[in-house]
Amino acid sequence: MFVHFGPLHLIFNMVGLYYFGRLNENVFAAPKFYAIYFVSGLLGSVMTLILMPSATLSGGASGAIFGLVGSYVAIARRASHMGAALLYALLIFVQSSFLPGVNIFAHLFGLISGIVLGLVFSSQQKPVGYSVTYGYNM
């Protein structure tokens, strides 16, 4: 997650981190945000080691970034926009994963772990804001 193959690779990852990080940090406290980021990145890296040939070079924070994309889908579930968020996540996945030299396993398993952790963490969130109820007394 901390090794990149040049400045352009790092810039693309940082743009993704900035965009999806901001969406997530508005909902999750720092410990949950870090857990999503690091667990997704680690799972993407471990699955890369298992599923790709041993001589394959792999680097970058894509698994962690896709974890944030996945948790955004879970956040959208609470806001009743999950379908649009899932479509958005799948479009990003398809667009970026089938370019030459891109690690599809890091993207896929990062996305899956982000969705799972986002669902778990968002179900633990207390509703934010207030509600007003009205009654009628006779």
Foldseek 3Di string as FASTA:
>chain_A
DPDADDDVLVVVQVVLCVVLVVLVVVADPPVLLVCLQVVQQVQLVVVCCVPPDVVQDDDDSLSSSLLSLLLSLLVVVVVVNNVVSVVVSVVVLVVPQPDPPHRSSSNVSSNVSSNVSSNVVNVVDDDDDDDDDDDDDD
